[in-house]
Amino acid sequence: MNSKRMRYEECTPAAIVGFRTKKVMYMGIRNRYCMVYSRAAAANKQADRYYCSKNWHGSSSSMEANIIQEGFMNSVAMYGVKYAKIIGDGDSNVYKTILDSRPY
């Protein structure tokens, strides 16, 4: 893999944006890849002490759903808000994950 490019499924950003305000209410990023660790492993070395950006060990398809679910779960603590409606991109996995987690 070219070190200057990442495949789409290795890093996924997602956000919750207010419909009326158009302001970002919550944003998250999930990474399945750590370049420092991967390079060290390829060279059969141990990586030096560093901040690893890998924060996801599940499937690529569940990263976006997890970020949005986390935003719903934290909305009351962060803003005192309970989201009543969701407008999404048609990914039923996100909607199902929110319903299954029962955030409120």
PDB file of N, CA and C in Angstrom:
ATOM      1  N   MET A   1       0.837  -1.177   0.000  1.00  0.00           N
ATOM      2  CA  MET A   1       0.000   0.000   0.000  1.00  0.00           C
ATOM      3  C   MET A   1       0.885   1.243   0.000  1.00  0.00           C
ATOM      4  N   ASN A   2       0.513   2.221  -0.751  1.00  0.00           N
ATOM      5  CA  ASN A   2       1.218   3.493  -0.809  1.00  0.00           C
ATOM      6  C   ASN A   2       1.023   4.209   0.522  1.00  0.00           C
ATOM      7  N   SER A   3       2.107   4.662   1.147  1.00  0.00           N
ATOM      8  CA  SER A   3       2.005   5.282   2.465  1.00  0.00           C
ATOM      9  C   SER A   3       1.316   6.645   2.431  1.00  0.00           C
ATOM     10  N   LYS A   4       1.147   7.230   1.249  1.00  0.00           N
ATOM     11  CA  LYS A   4       0.496   8.528   1.145  1.00  0.00           C
ATOM     12  C   LYS A   4      -1.013   8.420   1.023  1.00  0.00           C
ATOM     13  N   ARG A   5      -1.532   7.228   0.831  1.00  0.00           N
ATOM     14  CA  ARG A   5      -2.975   7.037   0.681  1.00  0.00           C
ATOM     15  C   ARG A   5      -3.470   6.000   1.670  1.00  0.00           C
ATOM     16  N   MET A   6      -4.667   6.221   2.156  1.00  0.00           N
ATOM     17  CA  MET A   6      -5.317   5.227   3.011  1.00  0.00           C
ATOM     18  C   MET A   6      -6.568   4.768   2.294  1.00  0.00           C
ATOM     19  N   ARG A   7      -6.864   3.511   2.418  1.00  0.00           N
ATOM     20  CA  ARG A   7      -8.116   3.026   1.853  1.00  0.00           C
ATOM     21  C   ARG A   7      -9.261   3.577   2.676  1.00  0.00           C
ATOM     22  N   TYR A   8     -10.422   3.740   2.053  1.00  0.00           N
ATOM     23  CA  TYR A   8     -11.583   4.342   2.702  1.00  0.00           C
ATOM     24  C   TYR A   8     -11.932   3.626   4.000  1.00  0.00           C
ATOM     25  N   GLU A   9     -11.878   2.318   4.007  1.00  0.00           N
ATOM     26  CA  GLU A   9     -12.358   1.588   5.176  1.00  0.00           C
ATOM     27  C   GLU A   9     -11.389   1.616   6.361  1.00  0.00           C
ATOM     28  N   GLU A  10     -10.221   2.221   6.216  1.00  0.00           N
ATOM     29  CA  GLU A  10      -9.273   2.269   7.319  1.00  0.00           C
ATOM     30  C   GLU A  10      -9.508   3.459   8.249  1.00  0.00           C
ATOM     31  N   CYS A  11     -10.123   4.506   7.747  1.00  0.00           N
ATOM     32  CA  CYS A  11     -10.386   5.707   8.532  1.00  0.00           C
ATOM     33  C   CYS A  11     -11.767   6.236   8.165  1.00  0.00           C
ATOM     34  N   THR A  12     -12.655   6.317   9.143  1.00  0.00           N
ATOM     35  CA  THR A  12     -14.020   6.775   8.872  1.00  0.00           C
ATOM     36  C   THR A  12     -14.392   7.926   9.795  1.00  0.00           C
ATOM     37  N   PRO A  13     -14.694   9.094   9.215  1.00  0.00           N
ATOM     38  CA  PRO A  13     -15.237  10.191  10.006  1.00  0.00           C
ATOM     39  C   PRO A  13     -16.759  10.188   9.915  1.00  0.00           C
ATOM     40  N   ALA A  14     -17.424  10.697  10.924  1.00  0.00           N
ATOM     41  CA  ALA A  14     -18.883  10.852  10.901  1.00  0.00           C
ATOM     42  C   ALA A  14     -19.243  12.009  11.822  1.00  0.00           C
ATOM     43  N   ALA A  15     -20.374  12.642  11.523  1.00  0.00           N
ATOM     44  CA  ALA A  15     -20.781  13.799  12.316  1.00  0.00           C
ATOM     45  C   ALA A  15     -22.297  13.862  12.443  1.00  0.00           C
ATOM     46  N   ILE A  16     -22.748  14.491  13.516  1.00  0.00           N
ATOM     47  CA  ILE A  16     -24.160  14.825  13.701  1.00  0.00           C
ATOM     48  C   ILE A  16     -24.240  16.343  13.544  1.00  0.00           C
ATOM     49  N   VAL A  17     -25.065  16.791  12.611  1.00  0.00           N
ATOM     50  CA  VAL A  17     -25.202  18.212  12.309  1.00  0.00           C
ATOM     51  C   VAL A  17     -26.642  18.629  12.570  1.00  0.00           C
ATOM     52  N   GLY A  18     -26.822  19.750  13.250  1.00  0.00           N
ATOM     53  CA  GLY A  18     -28.157  20.259  13.527  1.00  0.00           C
ATOM     54  C   GLY A  18     -28.860  20.652  12.236  1.00  0.00           C
ATOM     55  N   PHE A  19     -30.100  20.218  12.053  1.00  0.00           N
ATOM     56  CA  PHE A  19     -30.849  20.492  10.820  1.00  0.00           C
ATOM     57  C   PHE A  19     -31.085  21.990  10.633  1.00  0.00           C
ATOM     58  N   ARG A  20     -31.539  22.658  11.681  1.00  0.00           N
ATOM     59  CA  ARG A  20     -31.836  24.087  11.559  1.00  0.00           C
ATOM     60  C   ARG A  20     -30.587  24.962  11.682  1.00  0.00           C
ATOM     61  N   THR A  21     -29.718  24.621  12.622  1.00  0.00           N
ATOM     62  CA  THR A  21     -28.545  25.464  12.884  1.00  0.00           C
ATOM     63  C   THR A  21     -27.392  25.191  11.926  1.00  0.00           C
ATOM     64  N   LYS A  22     -27.350  23.987  11.366  1.00  0.00           N
ATOM     65  CA  LYS A  22     -26.250  23.555  10.490  1.00  0.00           C
ATOM     66  C   LYS A  22     -24.915  23.504  11.242  1.00  0.00           C
ATOM     67  N   LYS A  23     -24.975  23.451  12.553  1.00  0.00           N
ATOM     68  CA  LYS A  23     -23.764  23.370  13.366  1.00  0.00           C
ATOM     69  C   LYS A  23     -23.450  21.920  13.696  1.00  0.00           C
ATOM     70  N   VAL A  24     -22.176  21.614  13.777  1.00  0.00           N
ATOM     71  CA  VAL A  24     -21.740  20.265  14.135  1.00  0.00           C
ATOM     72  C   VAL A  24     -21.996  20.057  15.620  1.00  0.00           C
ATOM     73  N   MET A  25     -22.835  19.075  15.929  1.00  0.00           N
ATOM     74  CA  MET A  25     -23.161  18.768  17.316  1.00  0.00           C
ATOM     75  C   MET A  25     -22.215  17.700  17.874  1.00  0.00           C
ATOM     76  N   TYR A  26     -21.762  16.816  16.998  1.00  0.00           N
ATOM     77  CA  TYR A  26     -20.871  15.739  17.428  1.00  0.00           C
ATOM     78  C   TYR A  26     -20.058  15.271  16.230  1.00  0.00           C
ATOM     79  N   MET A  27     -18.800  14.983  16.457  1.00  0.00           N
ATOM     80  CA  MET A  27     -17.950  14.466  15.394  1.00  0.00           C
ATOM     81  C   MET A  27     -17.021  13.409  15.967  1.00  0.00           C
ATOM     82  N   GLY A  28     -16.781  12.381  15.196  1.00  0.00           N
ATOM     83  CA  GLY A  28     -15.866  11.338  15.631  1.00  0.00           C
ATOM     84  C   GLY A  28     -15.138  10.730  14.453  1.00  0.00           C
ATOM     85  N   ILE A  29     -14.020  10.086  14.744  1.00  0.00           N
ATOM     86  CA  ILE A  29     -13.217   9.407  13.720  1.00  0.00           C
ATOM     87  C   ILE A  29     -12.809   8.052  14.277  1.00  0.00           C
ATOM     88  N   ARG A  30     -12.920   7.044  13.448  1.00  0.00           N
ATOM     89  CA  ARG A  30     -12.456   5.700  13.810  1.00  0.00           C
ATOM     90  C   ARG A  30     -11.351   5.296  12.843  1.00  0.00           C
ATOM     91  N   ASN A  31     -10.241   4.818  13.385  1.00  0.00           N
ATOM     92  CA  ASN A  31      -9.102   4.341  12.596  1.00  0.00           C
ATOM     93  C   ASN A  31      -8.853   2.875  12.865  1.00  0.00           C
ATOM     94  N   ARG A  32      -8.706   2.109  11.806  1.00  0.00           N
ATOM     95  CA  ARG A  32      -8.358   0.693  11.943  1.00  0.00           C
ATOM     96  C   ARG A  32      -6.905   0.445  11.644  1.00  0.00           C
ATOM     97  N   TYR A  33      -6.155   1.481  11.373  1.00  0.00           N
ATOM     98  CA  TYR A  33      -4.790   1.326  10.883  1.00  0.00           C
ATOM     99  C   TYR A  33      -3.856   2.254  11.631  1.00  0.00           C
ATOM    100  N   CYS A  34      -2.690   1.777  11.968  1.00  0.00           N
ATOM    101  CA  CYS A  34      -1.660   2.593  12.595  1.00  0.00           C
ATOM    102  C   CYS A  34      -0.390   2.444  11.767  1.00  0.00           C
ATOM    103  N   MET A  35       0.018   3.520  11.106  1.00  0.00           N
ATOM    104  CA  MET A  35       1.174   3.458  10.214  1.00  0.00           C
ATOM    105  C   MET A  35       2.471   3.164  10.965  1.00  0.00           C
ATOM    106  N   VAL A  36       2.650   3.746  12.140  1.00  0.00           N
ATOM    107  CA  VAL A  36       3.876   3.542  12.911  1.00  0.00           C
ATOM    108  C   VAL A  36       4.025   2.064  13.266  1.00  0.00           C
ATOM    109  N   TYR A  37       2.962   1.467  13.781  1.00  0.00           N
ATOM    110  CA  TYR A  37       3.005   0.056  14.145  1.00  0.00           C
ATOM    111  C   TYR A  37       3.208  -0.825  12.911  1.00  0.00           C
ATOM    112  N   SER A  38       2.514  -0.528  11.839  1.00  0.00           N
ATOM    113  CA  SER A  38       2.611  -1.334  10.622  1.00  0.00           C
ATOM    114  C   SER A  38       4.013  -1.314  10.036  1.00  0.00           C
ATOM    115  N   ARG A  39       4.628  -0.137  10.021  1.00  0.00           N
ATOM    116  CA  ARG A  39       6.006  -0.039   9.500  1.00  0.00           C
ATOM    117  C   ARG A  39       6.978  -0.803  10.387  1.00  0.00           C
ATOM    118  N   ALA A  40       6.812  -0.681  11.697  1.00  0.00           N
ATOM    119  CA  ALA A  40       7.692  -1.395  12.616  1.00  0.00           C
ATOM    120  C   ALA A  40       7.515  -2.905  12.472  1.00  0.00           C
ATOM    121  N   ALA A  41       6.277  -3.354  12.347  1.00  0.00           N
ATOM    122  CA  ALA A  41       6.013  -4.782  12.192  1.00  0.00           C
ATOM    123  C   ALA A  41       6.592  -5.306  10.878  1.00  0.00           C
ATOM    124  N   ALA A  42       6.515  -4.528   9.817  1.00  0.00           N
ATOM    125  CA  ALA A  42       7.057  -4.940   8.515  1.00  0.00           C
ATOM    126  C   ALA A  42       8.577  -5.073   8.566  1.00  0.00           C
ATOM    127  N   ALA A  43       9.221  -4.282   9.419  1.00  0.00           N
ATOM    128  CA  ALA A  43      10.674  -4.324   9.564  1.00  0.00           C
ATOM    129  C   ALA A  43      11.107  -5.244  10.705  1.00  0.00           C
ATOM    130  N   ASN A  44      10.161  -5.983  11.279  1.00  0.00           N
ATOM    131  CA  ASN A  44      10.428  -6.869  12.416  1.00  0.00           C
ATOM    132  C   ASN A  44      11.082  -6.131  13.584  1.00  0.00           C
ATOM    133  N   LYS A  45      10.582  -4.929  13.844  1.00  0.00           N
ATOM    134  CA  LYS A  45      11.074  -4.124  14.951  1.00  0.00           C
ATOM    135  C   LYS A  45       9.910  -3.775  15.855  1.00  0.00           C
ATOM    136  N   GLN A  46      10.245  -3.281  17.027  1.00  0.00           N
ATOM    137  CA  GLN A  46       9.215  -2.798  17.934  1.00  0.00           C
ATOM    138  C   GLN A  46       9.125  -1.285  17.785  1.00  0.00           C
ATOM    139  N   ALA A  47       7.921  -0.771  17.722  1.00  0.00           N
ATOM    140  CA  ALA A  47       7.728   0.671  17.554  1.00  0.00           C
ATOM    141  C   ALA A  47       8.166   1.415  18.806  1.00  0.00           C
ATOM    142  N   ASP A  48       8.756   2.589  18.599  1.00  0.00           N
ATOM    143  CA  ASP A  48       9.118   3.450  19.721  1.00  0.00           C
ATOM    144  C   ASP A  48       7.840   3.945  20.393  1.00  0.00           C
ATOM    145  N   ARG A  49       7.997   4.548  21.542  1.00  0.00           N
ATOM    146  CA  ARG A  49       6.848   5.086  22.261  1.00  0.00           C
ATOM    147  C   ARG A  49       6.233   6.225  21.436  1.00  0.00           C
ATOM    148  N   TYR A  50       4.929   6.158  21.204  1.00  0.00           N
ATOM    149  CA  TYR A  50       4.243   7.133  20.369  1.00  0.00           C
ATOM    150  C   TYR A  50       2.756   7.089  20.666  1.00  0.00           C
ATOM    151  N   TYR A  51       2.029   8.072  20.129  1.00  0.00           N
ATOM    152  CA  TYR A  51       0.578   8.081  20.261  1.00  0.00           C
ATOM    153  C   TYR A  51       0.001   7.317  19.087  1.00  0.00           C
ATOM    154  N   CYS A  52      -0.620   6.194  19.349  1.00  0.00           N
ATOM    155  CA  CYS A  52      -1.203   5.357  18.298  1.00  0.00           C
ATOM    156  C   CYS A  52      -2.603   5.872  17.975  1.00  0.00           C
ATOM    157  N   SER A  53      -2.876   6.102  16.688  1.00  0.00           N
ATOM    158  CA  SER A  53      -4.175   6.635  16.277  1.00  0.00           C
ATOM    159  C   SER A  53      -5.212   5.541  16.027  1.00  0.00           C
ATOM    160  N   LYS A  54      -4.811   4.292  16.159  1.00  0.00           N
ATOM    161  CA  LYS A  54      -5.769   3.201  15.942  1.00  0.00           C
ATOM    162  C   LYS A  54      -6.725   3.147  17.126  1.00  0.00           C
ATOM    163  N   ASN A  55      -8.016   3.287  16.830  1.00  0.00           N
ATOM    164  CA  ASN A  55      -9.002   3.286  17.910  1.00  0.00           C
ATOM    165  C   ASN A  55     -10.213   2.426  17.579  1.00  0.00           C
ATOM    166  N   TRP A  56     -10.071   1.537  16.623  1.00  0.00           N
ATOM    167  CA  TRP A  56     -11.186   0.683  16.236  1.00  0.00           C
ATOM    168  C   TRP A  56     -10.682  -0.692  15.874  1.00  0.00           C
ATOM    169  N   HIS A  57     -11.334  -1.726  16.423  1.00  0.00           N
ATOM    170  CA  HIS A  57     -10.941  -3.100  16.149  1.00  0.00           C
ATOM    171  C   HIS A  57     -12.063  -3.908  15.514  1.00  0.00           C
ATOM    172  N   GLY A  58     -13.225  -3.291  15.328  1.00  0.00           N
ATOM    173  CA  GLY A  58     -14.368  -3.983  14.729  1.00  0.00           C
ATOM    174  C   GLY A  58     -14.331  -3.924  13.216  1.00  0.00           C
ATOM    175  N   SER A  59     -15.468  -4.202  12.607  1.00  0.00           N
ATOM    176  CA  SER A  59     -15.554  -4.197  11.150  1.00  0.00           C
ATOM    177  C   SER A  59     -15.626  -2.772  10.618  1.00  0.00           C
ATOM    178  N   SER A  60     -15.204  -2.596   9.373  1.00  0.00           N
ATOM    179  CA  SER A  60     -15.243  -1.282   8.735  1.00  0.00           C
ATOM    180  C   SER A  60     -16.665  -0.764   8.614  1.00  0.00           C
ATOM    181  N   SER A  61     -17.591  -1.660   8.346  1.00  0.00           N
ATOM    182  CA  SER A  61     -18.972  -1.241   8.126  1.00  0.00           C
ATOM    183  C   SER A  61     -19.649  -0.728   9.393  1.00  0.00           C
ATOM    184  N   SER A  62     -19.122  -1.045  10.551  1.00  0.00           N
ATOM    185  CA  SER A  62     -19.762  -0.605  11.793  1.00  0.00           C
ATOM    186  C   SER A  62     -19.139   0.653  12.392  1.00  0.00           C
ATOM    187  N   MET A  63     -18.103   1.203  11.760  1.00  0.00           N
ATOM    188  CA  MET A  63     -17.443   2.391  12.311  1.00  0.00           C
ATOM    189  C   MET A  63     -18.371   3.605  12.340  1.00  0.00           C
ATOM    190  N   GLU A  64     -19.022   3.910  11.223  1.00  0.00           N
ATOM    191  CA  GLU A  64     -19.907   5.072  11.157  1.00  0.00           C
ATOM    192  C   GLU A  64     -21.055   4.936  12.155  1.00  0.00           C
ATOM    193  N   ALA A  65     -21.651   3.764  12.213  1.00  0.00           N
ATOM    194  CA  ALA A  65     -22.760   3.533  13.139  1.00  0.00           C
ATOM    195  C   ALA A  65     -22.320   3.756  14.582  1.00  0.00           C
ATOM    196  N   ASN A  66     -21.120   3.322  14.924  1.00  0.00           N
ATOM    197  CA  ASN A  66     -20.627   3.476  16.285  1.00  0.00           C
ATOM    198  C   ASN A  66     -20.412   4.939  16.650  1.00  0.00           C
ATOM    199  N   ILE A  67     -19.902   5.729  15.710  1.00  0.00           N
ATOM    200  CA  ILE A  67     -19.679   7.155  15.974  1.00  0.00           C
ATOM    201  C   ILE A  67     -21.008   7.865  16.227  1.00  0.00           C
ATOM    202  N   ILE A  68     -22.001   7.616  15.370  1.00  0.00           N
ATOM    203  CA  ILE A  68     -23.300   8.267  15.519  1.00  0.00           C
ATOM    204  C   ILE A  68     -23.990   7.801  16.799  1.00  0.00           C
ATOM    205  N   GLN A  69     -23.887   6.515  17.107  1.00  0.00           N
ATOM    206  CA  GLN A  69     -24.446   5.990  18.353  1.00  0.00           C
ATOM    207  C   GLN A  69     -23.809   6.700  19.551  1.00  0.00           C
ATOM    208  N   GLU A  70     -22.509   6.861  19.534  1.00  0.00           N
ATOM    209  CA  GLU A  70     -21.799   7.549  20.613  1.00  0.00           C
ATOM    210  C   GLU A  70     -22.289   8.994  20.745  1.00  0.00           C
ATOM    211  N   GLY A  71     -22.530   9.652  19.622  1.00  0.00           N
ATOM    212  CA  GLY A  71     -23.059  11.017  19.648  1.00  0.00           C
ATOM    213  C   GLY A  71     -24.433  11.089  20.289  1.00  0.00           C
ATOM    214  N   PHE A  72     -25.293  10.114  19.966  1.00  0.00           N
ATOM    215  CA  PHE A  72     -26.625  10.068  20.580  1.00  0.00           C
ATOM    216  C   PHE A  72     -26.511   9.787  22.076  1.00  0.00           C
ATOM    217  N   MET A  73     -25.642   8.880  22.454  1.00  0.00           N
ATOM    218  CA  MET A  73     -25.489   8.518  23.867  1.00  0.00           C
ATOM    219  C   MET A  73     -24.949   9.694  24.700  1.00  0.00           C
ATOM    220  N   ASN A  74     -24.158  10.574  24.092  1.00  0.00           N
ATOM    221  CA  ASN A  74     -23.544  11.690  24.817  1.00  0.00           C
ATOM    222  C   ASN A  74     -24.302  13.010  24.681  1.00  0.00           C
ATOM    223  N   SER A  75     -25.379  13.044  23.907  1.00  0.00           N
ATOM    224  CA  SER A  75     -26.062  14.311  23.619  1.00  0.00           C
ATOM    225  C   SER A  75     -26.643  14.985  24.860  1.00  0.00           C
ATOM    226  N   VAL A  76     -27.184  14.223  25.767  1.00  0.00           N
ATOM    227  CA  VAL A  76     -27.769  14.818  26.982  1.00  0.00           C
ATOM    228  C   VAL A  76     -26.663  15.385  27.862  1.00  0.00           C
ATOM    229  N   ALA A  77     -25.605  14.635  28.061  1.00  0.00           N
ATOM    230  CA  ALA A  77     -24.499  15.103  28.902  1.00  0.00           C
ATOM    231  C   ALA A  77     -23.796  16.317  28.287  1.00  0.00           C
ATOM    232  N   MET A  78     -23.659  16.337  26.976  1.00  0.00           N
ATOM    233  CA  MET A  78     -22.938  17.427  26.315  1.00  0.00           C
ATOM    234  C   MET A  78     -23.776  18.686  26.156  1.00  0.00           C
ATOM    235  N   TYR A  79     -25.041  18.525  25.774  1.00  0.00           N
ATOM    236  CA  TYR A  79     -25.866  19.683  25.433  1.00  0.00           C
ATOM    237  C   TYR A  79     -27.221  19.728  26.131  1.00  0.00           C
ATOM    238  N   GLY A  80     -27.581  18.683  26.868  1.00  0.00           N
ATOM    239  CA  GLY A  80     -28.905  18.624  27.465  1.00  0.00           C
ATOM    240  C   GLY A  80     -29.985  18.433  26.410  1.00  0.00           C
ATOM    241  N   VAL A  81     -29.645  17.754  25.342  1.00  0.00           N
ATOM    242  CA  VAL A  81     -30.533  17.589  24.187  1.00  0.00           C
ATOM    243  C   VAL A  81     -30.804  16.109  23.932  1.00  0.00           C
ATOM    244  N   LYS A  82     -32.059  15.808  23.609  1.00  0.00           N
ATOM    245  CA  LYS A  82     -32.424  14.476  23.125  1.00  0.00           C
ATOM    246  C   LYS A  82     -32.848  14.628  21.670  1.00  0.00           C
ATOM    247  N   TYR A  83     -32.139  13.966  20.791  1.00  0.00           N
ATOM    248  CA  TYR A  83     -32.477  14.051  19.370  1.00  0.00           C
ATOM    249  C   TYR A  83     -33.801  13.340  19.123  1.00  0.00           C
ATOM    250  N   ALA A  84     -34.699  13.985  18.405  1.00  0.00           N
ATOM    251  CA  ALA A  84     -36.030  13.434  18.148  1.00  0.00           C
ATOM    252  C   ALA A  84     -36.150  12.836  16.753  1.00  0.00           C
ATOM    253  N   LYS A  85     -35.378  13.344  15.797  1.00  0.00           N
ATOM    254  CA  LYS A  85     -35.453  12.867  14.417  1.00  0.00           C
ATOM    255  C   LYS A  85     -34.054  12.671  13.867  1.00  0.00           C
ATOM    256  N   ILE A  86     -33.964  11.807  12.883  1.00  0.00           N
ATOM    257  CA  ILE A  86     -32.676  11.572  12.235  1.00  0.00           C
ATOM    258  C   ILE A  86     -32.881  11.626  10.725  1.00  0.00           C
ATOM    259  N   ILE A  87     -32.012  12.352  10.077  1.00  0.00           N
ATOM    260  CA  ILE A  87     -31.977  12.388   8.615  1.00  0.00           C
ATOM    261  C   ILE A  87     -30.618  11.830   8.248  1.00  0.00           C
ATOM    262  N   GLY A  88     -30.593  10.688   7.596  1.00  0.00           N
ATOM    263  CA  GLY A  88     -29.335  10.034   7.289  1.00  0.00           C
ATOM    264  C   GLY A  88     -29.115   9.858   5.805  1.00  0.00           C
ATOM    265  N   ASP A  89     -28.076   9.110   5.502  1.00  0.00           N
ATOM    266  CA  ASP A  89     -27.721   8.862   4.113  1.00  0.00           C
ATOM    267  C   ASP A  89     -28.297   7.545   3.593  1.00  0.00           C
ATOM    268  N   GLY A  90     -29.222   6.971   4.340  1.00  0.00           N
ATOM    269  CA  GLY A  90     -29.853   5.732   3.896  1.00  0.00           C
ATOM    270  C   GLY A  90     -29.184   4.473   4.423  1.00  0.00           C
ATOM    271  N   ASP A  91     -28.188   4.626   5.282  1.00  0.00           N
ATOM    272  CA  ASP A  91     -27.500   3.471   5.849  1.00  0.00           C
ATOM    273  C   ASP A  91     -28.347   2.919   6.998  1.00  0.00           C
ATOM    274  N   SER A  92     -29.058   1.846   6.742  1.00  0.00           N
ATOM    275  CA  SER A  92     -29.946   1.288   7.762  1.00  0.00           C
ATOM    276  C   SER A  92     -29.182   0.762   8.966  1.00  0.00           C
ATOM    277  N   ASN A  93     -27.899   0.455   8.804  1.00  0.00           N
ATOM    278  CA  ASN A  93     -27.083  -0.029   9.910  1.00  0.00           C
ATOM    279  C   ASN A  93     -26.969   1.039  10.996  1.00  0.00           C
ATOM    280  N   VAL A  94     -26.819   2.303  10.599  1.00  0.00           N
ATOM    281  CA  VAL A  94     -26.731   3.399  11.568  1.00  0.00           C
ATOM    282  C   VAL A  94     -28.043   3.524  12.335  1.00  0.00           C
ATOM    283  N   TYR A  95     -29.140   3.557  11.632  1.00  0.00           N
ATOM    284  CA  TYR A  95     -30.453   3.706  12.250  1.00  0.00           C
ATOM    285  C   TYR A  95     -30.738   2.551  13.213  1.00  0.00           C
ATOM    286  N   LYS A  96     -30.467   1.337  12.789  1.00  0.00           N
ATOM    287  CA  LYS A  96     -30.695   0.159  13.633  1.00  0.00           C
ATOM    288  C   LYS A  96     -29.817   0.200  14.882  1.00  0.00           C
ATOM    289  N   THR A  97     -28.572   0.605  14.729  1.00  0.00           N
ATOM    290  CA  THR A  97     -27.656   0.690  15.872  1.00  0.00           C
ATOM    291  C   THR A  97     -28.167   1.685  16.906  1.00  0.00           C
ATOM    292  N   ILE A  98     -28.686   2.828  16.438  1.00  0.00           N
ATOM    293  CA  ILE A  98     -29.236   3.829  17.364  1.00  0.00           C
ATOM    294  C   ILE A  98     -30.447   3.272  18.092  1.00  0.00           C
ATOM    295  N   LEU A  99     -31.357   2.643  17.352  1.00  0.00           N
ATOM    296  CA  LEU A  99     -32.556   2.076  17.980  1.00  0.00           C
ATOM    297  C   LEU A  99     -32.194   0.989  18.984  1.00  0.00           C
ATOM    298  N   ASP A 100     -31.255   0.133  18.624  1.00  0.00           N
ATOM    299  CA  ASP A 100     -30.860  -0.963  19.525  1.00  0.00           C
ATOM    300  C   ASP A 100     -30.182  -0.463  20.791  1.00  0.00           C
ATOM    301  N   SER A 101     -29.490   0.672  20.716  1.00  0.00           N
ATOM    302  CA  SER A 101     -28.752   1.159  21.890  1.00  0.00           C
ATOM    303  C   SER A 101     -29.655   1.900  22.879  1.00  0.00           C
ATOM    304  N   ARG A 102     -30.855   2.275  22.451  1.00  0.00           N
ATOM    305  CA  ARG A 102     -31.807   2.995  23.305  1.00  0.00           C
ATOM    306  C   ARG A 102     -31.115   4.122  24.071  1.00  0.00           C
ATOM    307  N   PRO A 103     -30.688   5.175  23.366  1.00  0.00           N
ATOM    308  CA  PRO A 103     -29.901   6.223  24.028  1.00  0.00           C
ATOM    309  C   PRO A 103     -30.670   7.021  25.074  1.00  0.00           C
ATOM    310  N   TYR A 104     -32.023   7.041  25.031  1.00  0.00           N
ATOM    311  CA  TYR A 104     -32.785   7.848  25.988  1.00  0.00           C
ATOM    312  C   TYR A 104     -33.809   7.007  26.697  1.00  0.00           C
TER     313      TYR A 104
END
